[in-house]
C-alpha atoms as a PDB file:
ATOM      1  CA  MET A   1       5.388   4.055  -6.613  1.00  0.00           C
ATOM      2  CA  ASP A   2       8.283   6.704  -5.698  1.00  0.00           C
ATOM      3  CA  GLU A   3       9.789   5.939  -9.499  1.00  0.00           C
ATOM      4  CA  LEU A   4       7.080   6.597 -10.648  1.00  0.00           C
ATOM      5  CA  VAL A   5       5.981  10.126  -9.091  1.00  0.00           C
ATOM      6  CA  CYS A   6       9.586  11.252  -8.666  1.00  0.00           C
ATOM      7  CA  ARG A   7      10.425  11.206 -12.678  1.00  0.00           C
ATOM      8  CA  LEU A   8       7.344  13.410 -12.902  1.00  0.00           C
ATOM      9  CA  PRO A   9       7.849  16.957 -14.542  1.00  0.00           C
ATOM     10  CA  PRO A  10       6.399  19.992 -12.664  1.00  0.00           C
ATOM     11  CA  SER A  11       3.848  19.990 -15.115  1.00  0.00           C
ATOM     12  CA  ALA A  12       2.209  16.691 -14.618  1.00  0.00           C
ATOM     13  CA  LYS A  13      -0.729  16.058 -11.774  1.00  0.00           C
ATOM     14  CA  VAL A  14      -0.824  13.356  -9.486  1.00  0.00           C
ATOM     15  CA  LEU A  15      -4.085  12.108  -7.751  1.00  0.00           C
ATOM     16  CA  ASP A  16      -3.706  10.354  -4.020  1.00  0.00           C
ATOM     17  CA  LEU A  17      -7.513   8.770  -4.507  1.00  0.00           C
ATOM     18  CA  GLY A  18      -7.990   7.773  -0.782  1.00  0.00           C
ATOM     19  CA  ALA A  19      -4.988   9.744   0.838  1.00  0.00           C
ATOM     20  CA  GLY A  20      -5.881  10.040   4.056  1.00  0.00           C
ATOM     21  CA  GLY A  21      -2.590  12.030   5.464  1.00  0.00           C
ATOM     22  CA  GLY A  22      -0.558  11.104   2.188  1.00  0.00           C
ATOM     23  CA  SER A  23       0.124   7.989   0.946  1.00  0.00           C
ATOM     24  CA  PHE A  24       3.273   8.812  -0.393  1.00  0.00           C
ATOM     25  CA  SER A  25       5.982  11.825   0.678  1.00  0.00           C
ATOM     26  CA  TYR A  26       4.623  15.111  -1.871  1.00  0.00           C
ATOM     27  CA  ALA A  27       7.518  16.293  -1.721  1.00  0.00           C
ATOM     28  CA  SER A  28       9.606  13.778  -3.111  1.00  0.00           C
ATOM     29  CA  THR A  29       7.419  14.705  -6.509  1.00  0.00           C
ATOM     30  CA  PRO A  30       8.075  17.725  -8.929  1.00  0.00           C
ATOM     31  CA  ALA A  31       4.605  16.938 -10.005  1.00  0.00           C
ATOM     32  CA  GLN A  32       1.608  18.413  -8.510  1.00  0.00           C
ATOM     33  CA  VAL A  33      -0.784  16.287  -5.940  1.00  0.00           C
ATOM     34  CA  VAL A  34      -4.226  16.382  -5.519  1.00  0.00           C
ATOM     35  CA  ALA A  35      -5.568  14.654  -2.840  1.00  0.00           C
ATOM     36  CA  ILE A  36      -9.033  12.958  -2.133  1.00  0.00           C
ATOM     37  CA  ASP A  37     -10.700  11.034   0.517  1.00  0.00           C
ATOM     38  CA  LEU A  38     -14.121  10.768   2.692  1.00  0.00           C
ATOM     39  CA  ALA A  39     -12.599  13.120   5.456  1.00  0.00           C
ATOM     40  CA  PHE A  40      -8.679  14.174   6.267  1.00  0.00           C
ATOM     41  CA  PRO A  41      -6.551  14.229   9.448  1.00  0.00           C
ATOM     42  CA  SER A  42      -5.840  17.156  11.464  1.00  0.00           C
ATOM     43  CA  GLN A  43      -2.304  16.666   9.897  1.00  0.00           C
ATOM     44  CA  ARG A  44      -1.663  15.995   6.210  1.00  0.00           C
ATOM     45  CA  GLN A  45       0.402  17.150   3.827  1.00  0.00           C
ATOM     46  CA  ALA A  46       0.315  20.581   1.920  1.00  0.00           C
ATOM     47  CA  CYS A  47      -0.358  19.639  -2.052  1.00  0.00           C
ATOM     48  CA  LEU A  48      -2.208  21.447  -5.278  1.00  0.00           C
ATOM     49  CA  GLY A  49      -5.557  20.697  -3.418  1.00  0.00           C
ATOM     50  CA  SER A  50      -7.397  18.527  -0.441  1.00  0.00           C
ATOM     51  CA  LEU A  51     -11.201  17.325  -2.242  1.00  0.00           C
ATOM     52  CA  THR A  52     -13.687  15.152  -0.105  1.00  0.00           C
ATOM     53  CA  ALA A  53     -15.162  13.013  -2.304  1.00  0.00           C
ATOM     54  CA  ALA A  54     -16.513   9.677  -3.437  1.00  0.00           C
ATOM     55  CA  ALA A  55     -13.920   7.625  -5.112  1.00  0.00           C
ATOM     56  CA  GLU A  56     -16.513   6.832  -7.666  1.00  0.00           C
ATOM     57  CA  ARG A  57     -17.640  10.668  -8.191  1.00  0.00           C
ATOM     58  CA  LEU A  58     -14.664  12.184  -8.665  1.00  0.00           C
ATOM     59  CA  PRO A  59     -15.049  16.399  -8.922  1.00  0.00           C
ATOM     60  CA  LEU A  60     -12.590  16.211 -11.984  1.00  0.00           C
ATOM     61  CA  GLN A  61     -12.232  16.831 -15.301  1.00  0.00           C
ATOM     62  CA  ASP A  62     -11.760  13.583 -18.053  1.00  0.00           C
ATOM     63  CA  HIS A  63      -8.172  13.101 -19.033  1.00  0.00           C
ATOM     64  CA  SER A  64      -6.535  15.570 -16.593  1.00  0.00           C
ATOM     65  CA  MET A  65      -4.341  13.011 -14.179  1.00  0.00           C
ATOM     66  CA  ASP A  66      -0.575  11.741 -15.222  1.00  0.00           C
ATOM     67  CA  VAL A  67      -0.750   9.296 -12.486  1.00  0.00           C
ATOM     68  CA  VAL A  68      -3.281   7.854  -9.680  1.00  0.00           C
ATOM     69  CA  ILE A  69      -1.662   6.336  -6.687  1.00  0.00           C
ATOM     70  CA  CYS A  70      -4.588   3.672  -4.657  1.00  0.00           C
ATOM     71  CA  ASN A  71      -1.914   2.834  -1.200  1.00  0.00           C
ATOM     72  CA  HIS A  72      -4.455   0.951  -0.146  1.00  0.00           C
ATOM     73  CA  THR A  73      -7.389   1.795  -0.120  1.00  0.00           C
ATOM     74  CA  LEU A  74      -9.078  -0.172  -2.826  1.00  0.00           C
ATOM     75  CA  GLU A  75     -10.483  -3.248  -0.947  1.00  0.00           C
ATOM     76  CA  HIS A  76     -12.161  -0.724   1.227  1.00  0.00           C
ATOM     77  CA  PHE A  77     -14.411   1.182  -1.522  1.00  0.00           C
ATOM     78  CA  THR A  78     -18.130  -0.492  -1.200  1.00  0.00           C
ATOM     79  CA  GLU A  79     -18.408   0.708  -4.904  1.00  0.00           C
ATOM     80  CA  LEU A  80     -15.580  -1.165  -6.033  1.00  0.00           C
ATOM     81  CA  GLU A  81     -16.768  -0.801 -10.005  1.00  0.00           C
ATOM     82  CA  GLY A  82     -17.923   2.656  -9.989  1.00  0.00           C
ATOM     83  CA  ALA A  83     -14.452   3.817  -8.360  1.00  0.00           C
ATOM     84  CA  VAL A  84     -12.397   1.815 -10.901  1.00  0.00           C
ATOM     85  CA  GLN A  85     -14.058   3.094 -13.687  1.00  0.00           C
ATOM     86  CA  GLU A  86     -13.638   6.723 -12.524  1.00  0.00           C
ATOM     87  CA  ILE A  87     -10.186   6.339 -11.994  1.00  0.00           C
ATOM     88  CA  ASN A  88     -10.250   5.377 -16.396  1.00  0.00           C
ATOM     89  CA  ARG A  89     -11.945   8.591 -16.777  1.00  0.00           C
ATOM     90  CA  VAL A  90      -9.640  11.045 -15.428  1.00  0.00           C
ATOM     91  CA  LEU A  91      -6.397   9.203 -16.339  1.00  0.00           C
ATOM     92  CA  LYS A  92      -4.641  10.637 -19.314  1.00  0.00           C
ATOM     93  CA  VAL A  93      -4.106   8.159 -22.431  1.00  0.00           C
ATOM     94  CA  GLY A  94      -0.776   7.044 -21.310  1.00  0.00           C
ATOM     95  CA  GLY A  95      -1.188   8.030 -17.862  1.00  0.00           C
ATOM     96  CA  HIS A  96      -0.363   5.410 -14.998  1.00  0.00           C
ATOM     97  CA  LEU A  97      -2.373   3.986 -11.979  1.00  0.00           C
ATOM     98  CA  TRP A  98      -0.427   2.550  -8.623  1.00  0.00           C
ATOM     99  CA  ALA A  99      -2.614   0.258  -6.973  1.00  0.00           C
ATOM    100  CA  ALA A 100      -1.649  -1.982  -3.832  1.00  0.00           C
ATOM    101  CA  VAL A 101      -4.225  -4.196  -2.145  1.00  0.00           C
ATOM    102  CA  PRO A 102      -4.218  -7.029   0.254  1.00  0.00           C
ATOM    103  CA  ASP A 103      -3.726 -10.579  -0.605  1.00  0.00           C
ATOM    104  CA  GLY A 104      -7.408 -11.134   0.302  1.00  0.00           C
ATOM    105  CA  PHE A 105      -6.388 -15.058   0.981  1.00  0.00           C
ATOM    106  CA  SER A 106      -3.118 -14.455   2.798  1.00  0.00           C
ATOM    107  CA  CYS A 107      -2.554 -15.353   6.598  1.00  0.00           C
ATOM    108  CA  ASP A 108      -1.971 -11.365   7.284  1.00  0.00           C
ATOM    109  CA  ASP A 109      -4.994 -10.447   6.053  1.00  0.00           C
ATOM    110  CA  ARG A 110      -7.216 -13.034   8.185  1.00  0.00           C
ATOM    111  CA  LEU A 111      -4.980 -12.056  10.918  1.00  0.00           C
ATOM    112  CA  TYR A 112      -5.843  -8.198  10.494  1.00  0.00           C
ATOM    113  CA  ARG A 113      -9.358  -8.733   9.341  1.00  0.00           C
ATOM    114  CA  LEU A 114      -9.586 -11.206  12.988  1.00  0.00           C
ATOM    115  CA  VAL A 115      -8.261  -8.446  15.221  1.00  0.00           C
ATOM    116  CA  PHE A 116     -10.301  -5.256  13.614  1.00  0.00           C
ATOM    117  CA  GLN A 117     -13.413  -7.333  12.912  1.00  0.00           C
ATOM    118  CA  GLY A 118     -13.158  -7.033   9.285  1.00  0.00           C
ATOM    119  CA  GLY A 119     -11.193  -3.412   9.551  1.00  0.00           C
ATOM    120  CA  GLY A 120     -13.280  -2.215   6.572  1.00  0.00           C
ATOM    121  CA  HIS A 121     -11.894  -4.527   3.910  1.00  0.00           C
ATOM    122  CA  VAL A 122     -14.925  -4.860   2.266  1.00  0.00           C
ATOM    123  CA  ASN A 123     -13.055  -5.988  -1.064  1.00  0.00           C
ATOM    124  CA  GLN A 124     -11.304  -9.689  -1.151  1.00  0.00           C
ATOM    125  CA  PHE A 125      -8.792  -9.951  -4.085  1.00  0.00           C
ATOM    126  CA  SER A 126      -6.617 -12.865  -5.464  1.00  0.00           C
ATOM    127  CA  LEU A 127      -4.108 -10.956  -8.035  1.00  0.00           C
ATOM    128  CA  GLN A 128      -5.723 -12.752 -11.181  1.00  0.00           C
ATOM    129  CA  SER A 129      -9.437 -10.982  -9.730  1.00  0.00           C
ATOM    130  CA  PHE A 130      -7.362  -7.658  -8.849  1.00  0.00           C
ATOM    131  CA  VAL A 131      -5.939  -7.359 -12.351  1.00  0.00           C
ATOM    132  CA  ASP A 132      -9.164  -9.186 -14.293  1.00  0.00           C
ATOM    133  CA  LEU A 133     -10.972  -5.975 -12.383  1.00  0.00           C
ATOM    134  CA  LEU A 134      -9.225  -3.678 -13.088  1.00  0.00           C
ATOM    135  CA  GLU A 135      -9.021  -4.263 -16.744  1.00  0.00           C
ATOM    136  CA  LYS A 136     -12.455  -5.138 -17.524  1.00  0.00           C
ATOM    137  CA  GLU A 137     -14.865  -2.371 -19.362  1.00  0.00           C
ATOM    138  CA  THR A 138     -11.619   0.222 -19.207  1.00  0.00           C
ATOM    139  CA  GLU A 139      -8.518   0.965 -20.637  1.00  0.00           C
ATOM    140  CA  LEU A 140      -6.110  -0.262 -18.087  1.00  0.00           C
ATOM    141  CA  ARG A 141      -3.856  -2.462 -19.023  1.00  0.00           C
ATOM    142  CA  ALA A 142      -1.745  -3.990 -16.536  1.00  0.00           C
ATOM    143  CA  LEU A 143       2.479  -3.618 -17.136  1.00  0.00           C
ATOM    144  CA  HIS A 144       4.322  -5.031 -13.426  1.00  0.00           C
ATOM    145  CA  TYR A 145       3.282  -6.308 -10.182  1.00  0.00           C
ATOM    146  CA  LYS A 146       5.148  -6.118  -7.351  1.00  0.00           C
ATOM    147  CA  VAL A 147       5.302  -8.861  -4.098  1.00  0.00           C
ATOM    148  CA  LEU A 148       4.292  -6.277  -0.539  1.00  0.00           C
ATOM    149  CA  HIS A 149       5.614  -7.736   2.384  1.00  0.00           C
ATOM    150  CA  SER A 150       3.861  -7.162   5.852  1.00  0.00           C
ATOM    151  CA  GLY A 151       5.437  -5.250   8.458  1.00  0.00           C
ATOM    152  CA  LEU A 152       2.099  -6.277  11.251  1.00  0.00           C
ATOM    153  CA  VAL A 153       2.027  -2.656  11.459  1.00  0.00           C
ATOM    154  CA  TYR A 154      -1.865  -2.311  12.312  1.00  0.00           C
ATOM    155  CA  LEU A 155      -0.975  -3.958  15.446  1.00  0.00           C
ATOM    156  CA  ASN A 156       1.704  -1.107  16.557  1.00  0.00           C
ATOM    157  CA  PRO A 157      -0.165   0.169  20.206  1.00  0.00           C
ATOM    158  CA  PRO A 158      -2.767   2.956  19.256  1.00  0.00           C
ATOM    159  CA  SER A 159      -2.912   6.239  20.552  1.00  0.00           C
ATOM    160  CA  PRO A 160      -5.282   6.996  22.353  1.00  0.00           C
ATOM    161  CA  GLU A 161      -7.505   9.437  20.526  1.00  0.00           C
ATOM    162  CA  LYS A 162      -7.627   6.506  18.068  1.00  0.00           C
ATOM    163  CA  LEU A 163      -8.435   3.241  20.468  1.00  0.00           C
ATOM    164  CA  PRO A 164     -12.147   4.281  21.162  1.00  0.00           C
ATOM    165  CA  HIS A 165     -12.724   4.222  17.473  1.00  0.00           C
ATOM    166  CA  TYR A 166     -11.239   0.557  17.095  1.00  0.00           C
ATOM    167  CA  PRO A 167     -13.430  -2.388  17.362  1.00  0.00           C
ATOM    168  CA  ARG A 168     -13.742  -3.811  20.805  1.00  0.00           C
ATOM    169  CA  ARG A 169     -11.630  -7.301  20.181  1.00  0.00           C
ATOM    170  CA  ALA A 170      -8.387  -4.292  19.103  1.00  0.00           C
ATOM    171  CA  ARG A 171      -8.755  -2.813  22.014  1.00  0.00           C
ATOM    172  CA  VAL A 172      -6.684  -5.104  23.923  1.00  0.00           C
ATOM    173  CA  LEU A 173      -3.784  -3.845  22.109  1.00  0.00           C
ATOM    174  CA  GLY A 174      -4.505  -0.716  24.078  1.00  0.00           C
ATOM    175  CA  SER A 175      -3.850  -2.881  27.622  1.00  0.00           C
ATOM    176  CA  ILE A 176      -0.941  -4.072  26.806  1.00  0.00           C
ATOM    177  CA  PRO A 177       2.481  -2.172  28.041  1.00  0.00           C
ATOM    178  CA  SER A 178       3.855  -0.024  24.448  1.00  0.00           C
ATOM    179  CA  GLY A 179       7.307  -0.816  25.179  1.00  0.00           C
ATOM    180  CA  MET A 180       6.210  -5.118  25.474  1.00  0.00           C
ATOM    181  CA  LEU A 181       4.459  -4.838  22.439  1.00  0.00           C
ATOM    182  CA  LEU A 182       7.134  -2.880  20.084  1.00  0.00           C
ATOM    183  CA  SER A 183       9.340  -5.667  21.096  1.00  0.00           C
ATOM    184  CA  PHE A 184       7.122  -8.480  20.265  1.00  0.00           C
ATOM    185  CA  LEU A 185       6.563  -7.348  16.963  1.00  0.00           C
ATOM    186  CA  ARG A 186      10.232  -6.535  16.258  1.00  0.00           C
ATOM    187  CA  TYR A 187      10.833 -10.155  17.149  1.00  0.00           C
ATOM    188  CA  ALA A 188       7.831 -11.476  15.466  1.00  0.00           C
ATOM    189  CA  ASN A 189       8.852  -9.914  12.315  1.00  0.00           C
ATOM    190  CA  HIS A 190      11.929 -11.803  12.214  1.00  0.00           C
ATOM    191  CA  LEU A 191      10.444 -15.068  13.460  1.00  0.00           C
ATOM    192  CA  VAL A 192       8.170 -14.754  10.965  1.00  0.00           C
ATOM    193  CA  ARG A 193      11.105 -14.016   7.923  1.00  0.00           C
ATOM    194  CA  PHE A 194      13.134 -16.653   9.100  1.00  0.00           C
ATOM    195  CA  VAL A 195      10.281 -19.494   8.959  1.00  0.00           C
ATOM    196  CA  GLU A 196       9.543 -17.958   5.480  1.00  0.00           C
ATOM    197  CA  ARG A 197      13.590 -18.615   4.340  1.00  0.00           C
ATOM    198  CA  HIS A 198      14.211 -22.103   5.967  1.00  0.00           C
ATOM    199  CA  PHE A 199      10.427 -23.466   5.374  1.00  0.00           C
ATOM    200  CA  HIS A 200       9.834 -21.485   1.681  1.00  0.00           C
ATOM    201  CA  SER A 201       6.131 -20.413   3.697  1.00  0.00           C
ATOM    202  CA  HIS A 202       4.395 -17.154   3.172  1.00  0.00           C
ATOM    203  CA  LEU A 203       3.813 -15.635   5.952  1.00  0.00           C
ATOM    204  CA  SER A 204       4.778 -12.248   5.746  1.00  0.00           C
ATOM    205  CA  HIS A 205       2.839 -12.060   2.266  1.00  0.00           C
ATOM    206  CA  TYR A 206       0.073  -8.841   2.321  1.00  0.00           C
ATOM    207  CA  GLY A 207      -0.518  -8.531  -1.110  1.00  0.00           C
ATOM    208  CA  TRP A 208       0.543  -6.563  -4.362  1.00  0.00           C
ATOM    209  CA  ALA A 209       1.307  -3.235  -6.106  1.00  0.00           C
ATOM    210  CA  VAL A 210      -0.056  -3.696  -9.591  1.00  0.00           C
ATOM    211  CA  VAL A 211       0.878  -0.738 -12.178  1.00  0.00           C
ATOM    212  CA  LEU A 212      -1.065  -0.316 -15.270  1.00  0.00           C
ATOM    213  CA  CYS A 213      -0.937   2.261 -18.579  1.00  0.00           C
ATOM    214  CA  ARG A 214      -4.345   4.129 -19.630  1.00  0.00           C
ATOM    215  CA  GLU A 215      -4.559   2.696 -23.164  1.00  0.00           C
ATOM    216  CA  GLU A 216      -6.427   5.118 -25.711  1.00  0.00           C
ATOM    217  CA  THR A 217      -8.814   2.349 -26.746  1.00  0.00           C
ATOM    218  CA  ARG A 218     -10.044  -0.996 -25.200  1.00  0.00           C
ATOM    219  CA  LYS A 219      -8.935  -4.334 -26.431  1.00  0.00           C
ATOM    220  CA  LEU A 220     -12.112  -6.427 -26.302  1.00  0.00           C
ATOM    221  CA  ALA A 221     -10.156  -9.543 -26.735  1.00  0.00           C
ATOM    222  CA  GLN A 222      -6.981  -9.044 -24.395  1.00  0.00           C
ATOM    223  CA  ARG A 223      -7.239 -10.166 -20.957  1.00  0.00           C
ATOM    224  CA  THR A 224      -3.743  -9.810 -18.933  1.00  0.00           C
ATOM    225  CA  VAL A 225      -2.985 -13.623 -17.352  1.00  0.00           C
ATOM    226  CA  ALA A 226      -1.275 -12.437 -13.871  1.00  0.00           C
ATOM    227  CA  GLY A 227       1.306 -14.798 -13.921  1.00  0.00           C
ATOM    228  CA  THR A 228       2.780 -13.441 -16.806  1.00  0.00           C
ATOM    229  CA  LEU A 229       3.011 -10.289 -15.675  1.00  0.00           C
ATOM    230  CA  THR A 230       6.783  -8.847 -14.848  1.00  0.00           C
ATOM    231  CA  SER A 231       7.427  -8.936 -11.284  1.00  0.00           C
ATOM    232  CA  MET A 232       9.865  -6.424  -9.739  1.00  0.00           C
ATOM    233  CA  PRO A 233      12.042  -6.947  -6.735  1.00  0.00           C
ATOM    234  CA  GLU A 234      10.209  -7.420  -3.329  1.00  0.00           C
ATOM    235  CA  ASP A 235      11.262  -5.412  -0.177  1.00  0.00           C
ATOM    236  CA  VAL A 236      11.192  -7.924   2.475  1.00  0.00           C
ATOM    237  CA  ASN A 237      12.428  -5.748   5.252  1.00  0.00           C
ATOM    238  CA  VAL A 238       9.323  -4.215   6.155  1.00  0.00           C
ATOM    239  CA  CYS A 239       9.097  -1.593   9.186  1.00  0.00           C
ATOM    240  CA  PHE A 240       7.239  -3.181  12.073  1.00  0.00           C
ATOM    241  CA  SER A 241       6.611   0.740  13.116  1.00  0.00           C
ATOM    242  CA  CYS A 242       5.765   3.053  10.320  1.00  0.00           C
ATOM    243  CA  GLY A 243       5.480  -0.262   7.860  1.00  0.00           C
ATOM    244  CA  THR A 244       7.553   0.879   5.195  1.00  0.00           C
ATOM    245  CA  GLY A 245       9.360  -1.527   3.086  1.00  0.00           C
ATOM    246  CA  HIS A 246      13.434  -0.684   1.893  1.00  0.00           C
ATOM    247  CA  PRO A 247      15.847  -2.800  -0.982  1.00  0.00           C
ATOM    248  CA  GLU A 248      18.324  -4.874   0.765  1.00  0.00           C
ATOM    249  CA  SER A 249      20.577  -2.839  -1.140  1.00  0.00           C
ATOM    250  CA  ILE A 250      20.440   0.503   0.742  1.00  0.00           C
ATOM    251  CA  LEU A 251      19.829  -1.637   4.481  1.00  0.00           C
ATOM    252  CA  VAL A 252      23.262  -3.367   4.104  1.00  0.00           C
ATOM    253  CA  LYS A 253      25.061  -0.053   4.162  1.00  0.00           C
ATOM    254  CA  ILE A 254      23.501   0.598   7.530  1.00  0.00           C
ATOM    255  CA  LEU A 255      23.728  -2.782   9.032  1.00  0.00           C
ATOM    256  CA  ARG A 256      24.822  -2.349  12.917  1.00  0.00           C
ATOM    257  CA  PRO A 257      24.917  -5.394  15.516  1.00  0.00           C
ATOM    258  CA  TYR A 258      21.732  -5.666  17.845  1.00  0.00           C
ATOM    259  CA  ARG A 259      22.144  -8.716  20.644  1.00  0.00           C
ATOM    260  CA  PHE A 260      22.932 -12.426  18.289  1.00  0.00           C
ATOM    261  CA  TRP A 261      21.801 -10.318  15.494  1.00  0.00           C
ATOM    262  CA  LYS A 262      22.240  -7.845  12.293  1.00  0.00           C
ATOM    263  CA  ALA A 263      19.868  -4.534  12.776  1.00  0.00           C
ATOM    264  CA  TYR A 264      19.304  -1.329  11.204  1.00  0.00           C
ATOM    265  CA  PRO A 265      17.373   1.679  12.352  1.00  0.00           C
ATOM    266  CA  CYS A 266      14.558   1.983   9.681  1.00  0.00           C
ATOM    267  CA  PRO A 267      15.252   5.382   7.087  1.00  0.00           C
ATOM    268  CA  SER A 268      11.492   5.841   7.491  1.00  0.00           C
ATOM    269  CA  CYS A 269      11.481   6.534  11.190  1.00  0.00           C
ATOM    270  CA  GLY A 270      14.599   5.340  12.889  1.00  0.00           C
ATOM    271  CA  MET A 271      12.559   2.448  14.545  1.00  0.00           C
ATOM    272  CA  THR A 272      15.411  -0.512  14.895  1.00  0.00           C
ATOM    273  CA  ASN A 273      14.374  -3.585  12.875  1.00  0.00           C
ATOM    274  CA  PHE A 274      16.258  -7.125  12.375  1.00  0.00           C
ATOM    275  CA  PHE A 275      17.505  -7.519   9.000  1.00  0.00           C
ATOM    276  CA  SER A 276      16.603 -10.036   6.676  1.00  0.00           C
ATOM    277  CA  ARG A 277      18.059 -10.919   3.375  1.00  0.00           C
ATOM    278  CA  ASN A 278      15.559 -12.070   0.261  1.00  0.00           C
END
């Protein structure tokens, strides 16, 4: 995502759809950012404009956006097909969509749905079904994808203002001492990576990010087979505190000993994480 928005010129426009407080660092792009969501938190990033609107009825002109970012939002949209058609409408020809979603059949998503009683995930995807959805009746064409890994960040200690809005089952997180829960998550993430590396499992697999391009016309006979898409390098190391993944090439430069293992301070939030090799 960062590579996509950082290279844009100042005249370009980026739509952060389902933005919340911001899906990425708006300061990282020279482009103008428009944020849209049904509601915004009190603390959010400054941008060109923050608009309250539904994804299936975007208050934007046709072909007005150079990039659309849907960062872990499409699984929440009840009017999914309408939202995808609106994304297609507002994207310029040659513009790009960056969309990240969970694997609806992964251990991680099942755990999230169990703890949070669905957690608002109303859509369930495989990689192929997701690509098919985005390409159906639009001019969007998939280019490449990236496997995303989980940091179990949704199990972090909830803030006092958020806890009352948690489902009953998830409120148990608020009864666990914060230090104990954070320590558990640090070791749990390391254990999951150890099991994956030695037993070739997919326990940390969260989902995918797919990059698509808006073409001029729809090619009726064209259907992208997900298995033929180019795969981007995976970031196995994902911070359990903030959920940010970082490339191994960056982390090896800041490794330090932590008990019996190697660890790194998360470049985004500073929290100490155990290091795992890809």
